Amino acid sequence: MSAKIKEKIDASIEGKLKNLYELQLIDSKIDRLRTVRGELPLELNDLEDTVAGLETRLENITAEVAELENQLNEKKQAIKDFQANIKKYEAQQNKVRNNREYDAITKEIEFQNLEIQLAEKRQKEAKAAIALKSEILEKSRIEFEERSKDLKAKKGELEEIVAETEKEELELQKESEKASSTIEDRLLNAYKRIRANSRNGLAVVAVERDACGGCYNKIPPQRQLDIRLNKKIIVCEHCGRVLVDGMLIPDSGVPA
């Protein structure tokens, strides 16, 4: 093989590696956009669940406060009824004909006073519970309003980001198709197969710190030298990804 033919083949292989790496960089950008867009709805769902939970809490506490206020009103009315009974019994005391009747009415008055004391105790308990529940209700209402505002803002943010990322993704998709058209079918099919079987969508990776940029297994020095020369397509012995020199496309960055 003449030196000129060998040089042409080497240049051809370097071009193939460069095209593959460019395609990987573009596809990795698309992957990242889809990941970001995929996480945003999850964040929104969490916020919607929080708002729904707070709304339920508000409804429950409001119902509890209403029930306590109802109990308070019942005790107020009960005290009035007991007081009315006492007046009635005191009037009867003035008309008794013997000690037996007097003692019986006195016991009724004592019983009514005990009922008043018990009702007053229940009133205090209800008032304390209402005060506590009202405090919790106010805090929950403030939190509900804040989270509702966050939810509204997040929805707007999501709609805006989705619109932006979809537009950017379409542009990147066109770039990906253009880059794919420069790669021969056999190599492109291999790239797609490796990418499909890779958890992070990386089929072509640069050498990072003497290791494969995909699986991070160490690469022998001689193999690293071969990779830097760009004279043949080399795959990682551990993960099967195509290995390239990070400087093949200057300032490209390494796909993550």
C-alpha atoms as a PDB file:
ATOM      1  CA  MET A   1       0.000   0.000   0.000  1.00  0.00           C
ATOM      2  CA  SER A   2       1.426   3.359  -1.004  1.00  0.00           C
ATOM      3  CA  ALA A   3       1.924   6.134   1.552  1.00  0.00           C
ATOM      4  CA  LYS A   4      -0.546   8.335  -0.338  1.00  0.00           C
ATOM      5  CA  ILE A   5      -3.332   5.702  -0.199  1.00  0.00           C
ATOM      6  CA  LYS A   6      -2.635   5.041   3.500  1.00  0.00           C
ATOM      7  CA  GLU A   7      -2.789   8.765   4.236  1.00  0.00           C
ATOM      8  CA  LYS A   8      -6.120   8.977   2.404  1.00  0.00           C
ATOM      9  CA  ILE A   9      -7.534   6.032   4.401  1.00  0.00           C
ATOM     10  CA  ASP A  10      -6.321   7.549   7.683  1.00  0.00           C
ATOM     11  CA  ALA A  11      -7.919  10.873   6.779  1.00  0.00           C
ATOM     12  CA  SER A  12     -11.121   9.057   5.882  1.00  0.00           C
ATOM     13  CA  ILE A  13     -11.218   7.278   9.258  1.00  0.00           C
ATOM     14  CA  GLU A  14     -10.521  10.518  11.124  1.00  0.00           C
ATOM     15  CA  GLY A  15     -13.390  12.114   9.221  1.00  0.00           C
ATOM     16  CA  LYS A  16     -15.712   9.241  10.149  1.00  0.00           C
ATOM     17  CA  LEU A  17     -14.749   9.543  13.813  1.00  0.00           C
ATOM     18  CA  LYS A  18     -15.256  13.293  13.709  1.00  0.00           C
ATOM     19  CA  ASN A  19     -18.704  12.908  12.112  1.00  0.00           C
ATOM     20  CA  LEU A  20     -19.681  10.271  14.665  1.00  0.00           C
ATOM     21  CA  TYR A  21     -18.527  12.431  17.552  1.00  0.00           C
ATOM     22  CA  GLU A  22     -20.385  15.478  16.182  1.00  0.00           C
ATOM     23  CA  LEU A  23     -23.539  13.400  15.885  1.00  0.00           C
ATOM     24  CA  GLN A  24     -23.115  12.163  19.459  1.00  0.00           C
ATOM     25  CA  LEU A  25     -22.712  15.707  20.777  1.00  0.00           C
ATOM     26  CA  ILE A  26     -25.903  16.794  19.017  1.00  0.00           C
ATOM     27  CA  ASP A  27     -27.885  13.748  20.162  1.00  0.00           C
ATOM     28  CA  SER A  28     -26.641  14.228  23.735  1.00  0.00           C
ATOM     29  CA  LYS A  29     -28.011  17.791  23.693  1.00  0.00           C
ATOM     30  CA  ILE A  30     -31.375  16.407  22.555  1.00  0.00           C
ATOM     31  CA  ASP A  31     -31.250  13.832  25.352  1.00  0.00           C
ATOM     32  CA  ARG A  32     -30.592  16.533  27.952  1.00  0.00           C
ATOM     33  CA  LEU A  33     -33.491  18.659  26.689  1.00  0.00           C
ATOM     34  CA  ARG A  34     -35.845  15.698  26.906  1.00  0.00           C
ATOM     35  CA  THR A  35     -34.608  14.883  30.404  1.00  0.00           C
ATOM     36  CA  VAL A  36     -35.217  18.434  31.628  1.00  0.00           C
ATOM     37  CA  ARG A  37     -38.657  18.489  30.032  1.00  0.00           C
ATOM     38  CA  GLY A  38     -39.389  15.091  31.532  1.00  0.00           C
ATOM     39  CA  GLU A  39     -38.512  16.223  35.072  1.00  0.00           C
ATOM     40  CA  LEU A  40     -40.554  19.440  35.021  1.00  0.00           C
ATOM     41  CA  PRO A  41     -43.991  17.744  34.886  1.00  0.00           C
ATOM     42  CA  LEU A  42     -42.926  15.587  37.848  1.00  0.00           C
ATOM     43  CA  GLU A  43     -42.098  18.725  39.834  1.00  0.00           C
ATOM     44  CA  LEU A  44     -45.440  20.186  38.824  1.00  0.00           C
ATOM     45  CA  ASN A  45     -47.263  17.017  39.906  1.00  0.00           C
ATOM     46  CA  ASP A  46     -45.581  17.178  43.323  1.00  0.00           C
ATOM     47  CA  LEU A  47     -46.674  20.798  43.721  1.00  0.00           C
ATOM     48  CA  GLU A  48     -50.233  19.958  42.639  1.00  0.00           C
ATOM     49  CA  ASP A  49     -50.326  17.158  45.242  1.00  0.00           C
ATOM     50  CA  THR A  50     -49.084  19.601  47.908  1.00  0.00           C
ATOM     51  CA  VAL A  51     -51.763  22.171  47.015  1.00  0.00           C
ATOM     52  CA  ALA A  52     -54.476  19.483  46.958  1.00  0.00           C
ATOM     53  CA  GLY A  53     -53.305  18.231  50.368  1.00  0.00           C
ATOM     54  CA  LEU A  54     -53.390  21.746  51.817  1.00  0.00           C
ATOM     55  CA  GLU A  55     -56.855  22.322  50.372  1.00  0.00           C
ATOM     56  CA  THR A  56     -58.101  19.129  52.031  1.00  0.00           C
ATOM     57  CA  ARG A  57     -56.480  20.180  55.314  1.00  0.00           C
ATOM     58  CA  LEU A  58     -58.237  23.568  55.111  1.00  0.00           C
ATOM     59  CA  GLU A  59     -61.576  21.891  54.497  1.00  0.00           C
ATOM     60  CA  ASN A  60     -61.088  19.471  57.405  1.00  0.00           C
ATOM     61  CA  ILE A  61     -59.950  22.128  59.891  1.00  0.00           C
ATOM     62  CA  THR A  62     -62.756  24.488  58.815  1.00  0.00           C
ATOM     63  CA  ALA A  63     -65.262  21.673  59.435  1.00  0.00           C
ATOM     64  CA  GLU A  64     -63.685  20.955  62.841  1.00  0.00           C
ATOM     65  CA  VAL A  65     -63.879  24.638  63.844  1.00  0.00           C
ATOM     66  CA  ALA A  66     -67.515  24.794  62.739  1.00  0.00           C
ATOM     67  CA  GLU A  67     -68.294  21.698  64.834  1.00  0.00           C
ATOM     68  CA  LEU A  68     -66.535  23.184  67.880  1.00  0.00           C
ATOM     69  CA  GLU A  69     -68.440  26.469  67.480  1.00  0.00           C
ATOM     70  CA  ASN A  70     -71.661  24.488  67.241  1.00  0.00           C
ATOM     71  CA  GLN A  71     -70.762  22.682  70.480  1.00  0.00           C
ATOM     72  CA  LEU A  72     -69.949  26.035  72.095  1.00  0.00           C
ATOM     73  CA  ASN A  73     -73.357  27.427  71.123  1.00  0.00           C
ATOM     74  CA  GLU A  74     -75.050  24.283  72.450  1.00  0.00           C
ATOM     75  CA  LYS A  75     -73.289  24.693  75.811  1.00  0.00           C
ATOM     76  CA  LYS A  76     -74.298  28.362  75.966  1.00  0.00           C
ATOM     77  CA  GLN A  77     -77.910  27.409  75.390  1.00  0.00           C
ATOM     78  CA  ALA A  78     -77.656  24.555  77.886  1.00  0.00           C
ATOM     79  CA  ILE A  79     -76.367  26.950  80.584  1.00  0.00           C
ATOM     80  CA  LYS A  80     -79.317  29.270  79.928  1.00  0.00           C
ATOM     81  CA  ASP A  81     -81.687  26.307  80.245  1.00  0.00           C
ATOM     82  CA  PHE A  82     -80.052  25.173  83.531  1.00  0.00           C
ATOM     83  CA  GLN A  83     -80.247  28.732  84.896  1.00  0.00           C
ATOM     84  CA  ALA A  84     -83.928  28.902  83.953  1.00  0.00           C
ATOM     85  CA  ASN A  85     -84.519  25.582  85.738  1.00  0.00           C
ATOM     86  CA  ILE A  86     -82.792  26.900  88.868  1.00  0.00           C
ATOM     87  CA  LYS A  87     -85.074  29.946  88.927  1.00  0.00           C
ATOM     88  CA  LYS A  88     -88.060  27.676  88.497  1.00  0.00           C
ATOM     89  CA  TYR A  89     -86.935  25.394  91.356  1.00  0.00           C
ATOM     90  CA  GLU A  90     -86.162  28.366  93.615  1.00  0.00           C
ATOM     91  CA  ALA A  91     -89.698  29.630  93.046  1.00  0.00           C
ATOM     92  CA  GLN A  92     -91.033  26.188  93.943  1.00  0.00           C
ATOM     93  CA  GLN A  93     -88.981  26.146  97.154  1.00  0.00           C
ATOM     94  CA  ASN A  94     -91.026  29.038  98.466  1.00  0.00           C
ATOM     95  CA  LYS A  95     -94.198  26.996  98.082  1.00  0.00           C
ATOM     96  CA  VAL A  96     -93.142  23.648  99.617  1.00  0.00           C
ATOM     97  CA  ARG A  97     -95.253  22.099 102.311  1.00  0.00           C
ATOM     98  CA  ASN A  98     -92.621  19.970 104.057  1.00  0.00           C
ATOM     99  CA  ASN A  99     -88.905  19.366 104.441  1.00  0.00           C
ATOM    100  CA  ARG A 100     -88.969  16.361 102.140  1.00  0.00           C
ATOM    101  CA  GLU A 101     -90.152  18.475  99.192  1.00  0.00           C
ATOM    102  CA  TYR A 102     -87.682  21.212 100.112  1.00  0.00           C
ATOM    103  CA  ASP A 103     -84.745  18.775 100.157  1.00  0.00           C
ATOM    104  CA  ALA A 104     -85.782  17.252  96.820  1.00  0.00           C
ATOM    105  CA  ILE A 105     -85.902  20.671  95.151  1.00  0.00           C
ATOM    106  CA  THR A 106     -82.577  21.657  96.753  1.00  0.00           C
ATOM    107  CA  LYS A 107     -80.964  18.568  95.237  1.00  0.00           C
ATOM    108  CA  GLU A 108     -82.376  19.495  91.818  1.00  0.00           C
ATOM    109  CA  ILE A 109     -80.904  22.995  92.167  1.00  0.00           C
ATOM    110  CA  GLU A 110     -77.523  21.506  93.136  1.00  0.00           C
ATOM    111  CA  PHE A 111     -77.703  19.162  90.138  1.00  0.00           C
ATOM    112  CA  GLN A 112     -78.477  22.058  87.781  1.00  0.00           C
ATOM    113  CA  ASN A 113     -75.492  24.011  89.200  1.00  0.00           C
ATOM    114  CA  LEU A 114     -73.232  21.010  88.610  1.00  0.00           C
ATOM    115  CA  GLU A 115     -74.497  20.795  85.022  1.00  0.00           C
ATOM    116  CA  ILE A 116     -73.692  24.514  84.598  1.00  0.00           C
ATOM    117  CA  GLN A 117     -70.142  23.944  85.905  1.00  0.00           C
ATOM    118  CA  LEU A 118     -69.670  21.023  83.543  1.00  0.00           C
ATOM    119  CA  ALA A 119     -71.046  23.017  80.591  1.00  0.00           C
ATOM    120  CA  GLU A 120     -68.741  25.943  81.444  1.00  0.00           C
ATOM    121  CA  LYS A 121     -65.770  23.562  81.538  1.00  0.00           C
ATOM    122  CA  ARG A 122     -66.747  22.194  78.125  1.00  0.00           C
ATOM    123  CA  GLN A 123     -67.089  25.797  76.904  1.00  0.00           C
ATOM    124  CA  LYS A 124     -63.511  26.603  77.956  1.00  0.00           C
ATOM    125  CA  GLU A 125     -62.235  23.449  76.263  1.00  0.00           C
ATOM    126  CA  ALA A 126     -64.112  24.291  73.070  1.00  0.00           C
ATOM    127  CA  LYS A 127     -62.805  27.883  73.078  1.00  0.00           C
ATOM    128  CA  ALA A 128     -59.214  26.666  73.569  1.00  0.00           C
ATOM    129  CA  ALA A 129     -59.633  24.119  70.765  1.00  0.00           C
ATOM    130  CA  ILE A 130     -61.145  26.771  68.466  1.00  0.00           C
ATOM    131  CA  ALA A 131     -58.233  29.133  69.169  1.00  0.00           C
ATOM    132  CA  LEU A 132     -55.706  26.380  68.399  1.00  0.00           C
ATOM    133  CA  LYS A 133     -57.531  25.206  65.276  1.00  0.00           C
ATOM    134  CA  SER A 134     -57.961  28.805  64.078  1.00  0.00           C
ATOM    135  CA  GLU A 135     -54.220  29.382  64.387  1.00  0.00           C
ATOM    136  CA  ILE A 136     -53.483  26.206  62.399  1.00  0.00           C
ATOM    137  CA  LEU A 137     -56.173  27.208  59.896  1.00  0.00           C
ATOM    138  CA  GLU A 138     -54.593  30.624  59.316  1.00  0.00           C
ATOM    139  CA  LYS A 139     -51.124  29.148  58.829  1.00  0.00           C
ATOM    140  CA  SER A 140     -52.528  26.530  56.454  1.00  0.00           C
ATOM    141  CA  ARG A 141     -54.429  29.204  54.518  1.00  0.00           C
ATOM    142  CA  ILE A 142     -51.248  31.280  54.085  1.00  0.00           C
ATOM    143  CA  GLU A 143     -49.295  28.212  52.991  1.00  0.00           C
ATOM    144  CA  PHE A 144     -52.099  27.214  50.607  1.00  0.00           C
ATOM    145  CA  GLU A 145     -52.113  30.673  49.011  1.00  0.00           C
ATOM    146  CA  GLU A 146     -48.318  30.668  48.647  1.00  0.00           C
ATOM    147  CA  ARG A 147     -48.215  27.169  47.158  1.00  0.00           C
ATOM    148  CA  SER A 148     -51.107  28.048  44.830  1.00  0.00           C
ATOM    149  CA  LYS A 149     -49.141  31.044  43.564  1.00  0.00           C
ATOM    150  CA  ASP A 150     -46.091  28.797  43.123  1.00  0.00           C
ATOM    151  CA  LEU A 151     -48.221  26.312  41.212  1.00  0.00           C
ATOM    152  CA  LYS A 152     -49.583  28.975  38.882  1.00  0.00           C
ATOM    153  CA  ALA A 153     -46.068  30.320  38.273  1.00  0.00           C
ATOM    154  CA  LYS A 154     -44.701  26.799  37.756  1.00  0.00           C
ATOM    155  CA  LYS A 155     -47.381  26.012  35.196  1.00  0.00           C
ATOM    156  CA  GLY A 156     -46.497  29.152  33.269  1.00  0.00           C
ATOM    157  CA  GLU A 157     -42.799  28.326  33.537  1.00  0.00           C
ATOM    158  CA  LEU A 158     -43.409  24.783  32.328  1.00  0.00           C
ATOM    159  CA  GLU A 159     -45.431  25.947  29.322  1.00  0.00           C
ATOM    160  CA  GLU A 160     -42.694  28.442  28.442  1.00  0.00           C
ATOM    161  CA  ILE A 161     -39.851  25.926  28.863  1.00  0.00           C
ATOM    162  CA  VAL A 162     -41.695  23.224  26.936  1.00  0.00           C
ATOM    163  CA  ALA A 163     -42.262  25.665  24.083  1.00  0.00           C
ATOM    164  CA  GLU A 164     -38.605  26.700  24.112  1.00  0.00           C
ATOM    165  CA  THR A 165     -37.190  23.177  24.400  1.00  0.00           C
ATOM    166  CA  GLU A 166     -39.495  21.849  21.704  1.00  0.00           C
ATOM    167  CA  LYS A 167     -38.302  24.575  19.350  1.00  0.00           C
ATOM    168  CA  GLU A 168     -34.659  23.911  20.249  1.00  0.00           C
ATOM    169  CA  GLU A 169     -35.174  20.167  19.945  1.00  0.00           C
ATOM    170  CA  LEU A 170     -36.596  20.547  16.437  1.00  0.00           C
ATOM    171  CA  GLU A 171     -33.545  22.546  15.411  1.00  0.00           C
ATOM    172  CA  LEU A 172     -31.194  19.988  16.969  1.00  0.00           C
ATOM    173  CA  GLN A 173     -33.139  17.171  15.331  1.00  0.00           C
ATOM    174  CA  LYS A 174     -32.488  18.760  11.946  1.00  0.00           C
ATOM    175  CA  GLU A 175     -28.791  19.023  12.829  1.00  0.00           C
ATOM    176  CA  SER A 176     -28.792  15.369  13.891  1.00  0.00           C
ATOM    177  CA  GLU A 177     -30.361  14.290  10.597  1.00  0.00           C
ATOM    178  CA  LYS A 178     -27.843  16.391   8.688  1.00  0.00           C
ATOM    179  CA  ALA A 179     -24.945  14.883  10.646  1.00  0.00           C
ATOM    180  CA  SER A 180     -26.360  11.377  10.181  1.00  0.00           C
ATOM    181  CA  SER A 181     -26.427  11.858   6.399  1.00  0.00           C
ATOM    182  CA  THR A 182     -22.622  12.198   6.410  1.00  0.00           C
ATOM    183  CA  ILE A 183     -22.132   8.779   8.004  1.00  0.00           C
ATOM    184  CA  GLU A 184     -22.236   5.510   6.068  1.00  0.00           C
ATOM    185  CA  ASP A 185     -25.189   3.234   6.856  1.00  0.00           C
ATOM    186  CA  ARG A 186     -23.153   0.421   8.410  1.00  0.00           C
ATOM    187  CA  LEU A 187     -21.455   2.784  10.879  1.00  0.00           C
ATOM    188  CA  LEU A 188     -24.656   4.717  11.552  1.00  0.00           C
ATOM    189  CA  ASN A 189     -26.567   1.511  12.346  1.00  0.00           C
ATOM    190  CA  ALA A 190     -23.793   0.445  14.723  1.00  0.00           C
ATOM    191  CA  TYR A 191     -23.942   3.870  16.400  1.00  0.00           C
ATOM    192  CA  LYS A 192     -27.726   3.624  16.845  1.00  0.00           C
ATOM    193  CA  ARG A 193     -27.473   0.076  18.199  1.00  0.00           C
ATOM    194  CA  ILE A 194     -24.822   1.019  20.794  1.00  0.00           C
ATOM    195  CA  ARG A 195     -26.773   4.145  21.731  1.00  0.00           C
ATOM    196  CA  ALA A 196     -30.005   2.203  22.187  1.00  0.00           C
ATOM    197  CA  ASN A 197     -28.300  -0.286  24.499  1.00  0.00           C
ATOM    198  CA  SER A 198     -26.592   2.432  26.535  1.00  0.00           C
ATOM    199  CA  ARG A 199     -28.269   3.707  29.700  1.00  0.00           C
ATOM    200  CA  ASN A 200     -27.157   7.309  29.089  1.00  0.00           C
ATOM    201  CA  GLY A 201     -27.459   7.244  25.288  1.00  0.00           C
ATOM    202  CA  LEU A 202     -23.709   7.500  24.730  1.00  0.00           C
ATOM    203  CA  ALA A 203     -22.332   5.522  21.799  1.00  0.00           C
ATOM    204  CA  VAL A 204     -19.263   7.680  21.157  1.00  0.00           C
ATOM    205  CA  VAL A 205     -17.210   8.930  24.097  1.00  0.00           C
ATOM    206  CA  ALA A 206     -13.947  10.765  24.609  1.00  0.00           C
ATOM    207  CA  VAL A 207     -11.149   9.475  26.789  1.00  0.00           C
ATOM    208  CA  GLU A 208     -11.276  11.185  30.187  1.00  0.00           C
ATOM    209  CA  ARG A 209      -8.427  10.885  32.676  1.00  0.00           C
ATOM    210  CA  ASP A 210      -7.056   7.796  30.968  1.00  0.00           C
ATOM    211  CA  ALA A 211     -10.475   6.103  31.131  1.00  0.00           C
ATOM    212  CA  CYS A 212     -13.501   5.447  28.928  1.00  0.00           C
ATOM    213  CA  GLY A 213     -15.913   8.384  29.137  1.00  0.00           C
ATOM    214  CA  GLY A 214     -18.835   5.959  29.185  1.00  0.00           C
ATOM    215  CA  CYS A 215     -17.985   3.178  31.649  1.00  0.00           C
ATOM    216  CA  TYR A 216     -14.907   4.818  33.252  1.00  0.00           C
ATOM    217  CA  ASN A 217     -12.718   1.736  32.948  1.00  0.00           C
ATOM    218  CA  LYS A 218      -9.023   2.450  32.503  1.00  0.00           C
ATOM    219  CA  ILE A 219      -7.576   2.392  28.968  1.00  0.00           C
ATOM    220  CA  PRO A 220      -4.003   1.101  28.427  1.00  0.00           C
ATOM    221  CA  PRO A 221      -1.456   3.793  27.356  1.00  0.00           C
ATOM    222  CA  GLN A 222      -0.789   2.175  23.941  1.00  0.00           C
ATOM    223  CA  ARG A 223      -4.515   2.079  23.212  1.00  0.00           C
ATOM    224  CA  GLN A 224      -4.801   5.742  24.210  1.00  0.00           C
ATOM    225  CA  LEU A 225      -2.038   6.573  21.728  1.00  0.00           C
ATOM    226  CA  ASP A 226      -3.922   4.734  18.969  1.00  0.00           C
ATOM    227  CA  ILE A 227      -7.058   6.693  19.832  1.00  0.00           C
ATOM    228  CA  ARG A 228      -5.210  10.024  19.635  1.00  0.00           C
ATOM    229  CA  LEU A 229      -3.829   9.137  16.199  1.00  0.00           C
ATOM    230  CA  ASN A 230      -7.398   8.786  14.802  1.00  0.00           C
ATOM    231  CA  LYS A 231      -6.249   6.138  12.307  1.00  0.00           C
ATOM    232  CA  LYS A 232      -8.744   3.424  13.206  1.00  0.00           C
ATOM    233  CA  ILE A 233     -12.089   2.997  14.929  1.00  0.00           C
ATOM    234  CA  ILE A 234     -11.477   1.701  18.452  1.00  0.00           C
ATOM    235  CA  VAL A 235     -14.147   0.520  20.827  1.00  0.00           C
ATOM    236  CA  CYS A 236     -13.989   0.141  24.600  1.00  0.00           C
ATOM    237  CA  GLU A 237     -13.193  -3.458  25.589  1.00  0.00           C
ATOM    238  CA  HIS A 238     -15.612  -3.177  28.532  1.00  0.00           C
ATOM    239  CA  CYS A 239     -18.720  -1.354  27.258  1.00  0.00           C
ATOM    240  CA  GLY A 240     -18.363  -1.463  23.459  1.00  0.00           C
ATOM    241  CA  ARG A 241     -18.602   2.323  22.980  1.00  0.00           C
ATOM    242  CA  VAL A 242     -16.580   3.996  20.257  1.00  0.00           C
ATOM    243  CA  LEU A 243     -13.596   5.824  21.785  1.00  0.00           C
ATOM    244  CA  VAL A 244     -12.339   9.141  20.368  1.00  0.00           C
ATOM    245  CA  ASP A 245      -9.811  11.786  21.269  1.00  0.00           C
ATOM    246  CA  GLY A 246     -11.478  14.657  23.151  1.00  0.00           C
ATOM    247  CA  MET A 247      -9.628  17.143  20.936  1.00  0.00           C
ATOM    248  CA  LEU A 248     -11.064  15.650  17.752  1.00  0.00           C
ATOM    249  CA  ILE A 249     -13.577  18.516  17.878  1.00  0.00           C
ATOM    250  CA  PRO A 250     -11.849  21.370  19.805  1.00  0.00           C
ATOM    251  CA  ASP A 251     -13.914  23.060  22.553  1.00  0.00           C
ATOM    252  CA  SER A 252     -16.757  20.623  21.973  1.00  0.00           C
ATOM    253  CA  GLY A 253     -16.971  19.406  25.531  1.00  0.00           C
ATOM    254  CA  VAL A 254     -17.681  15.818  26.420  1.00  0.00           C
ATOM    255  CA  PRO A 255     -21.285  14.595  26.244  1.00  0.00           C
ATOM    256  CA  ALA A 256     -22.704  13.742  29.638  1.00  0.00           C
END
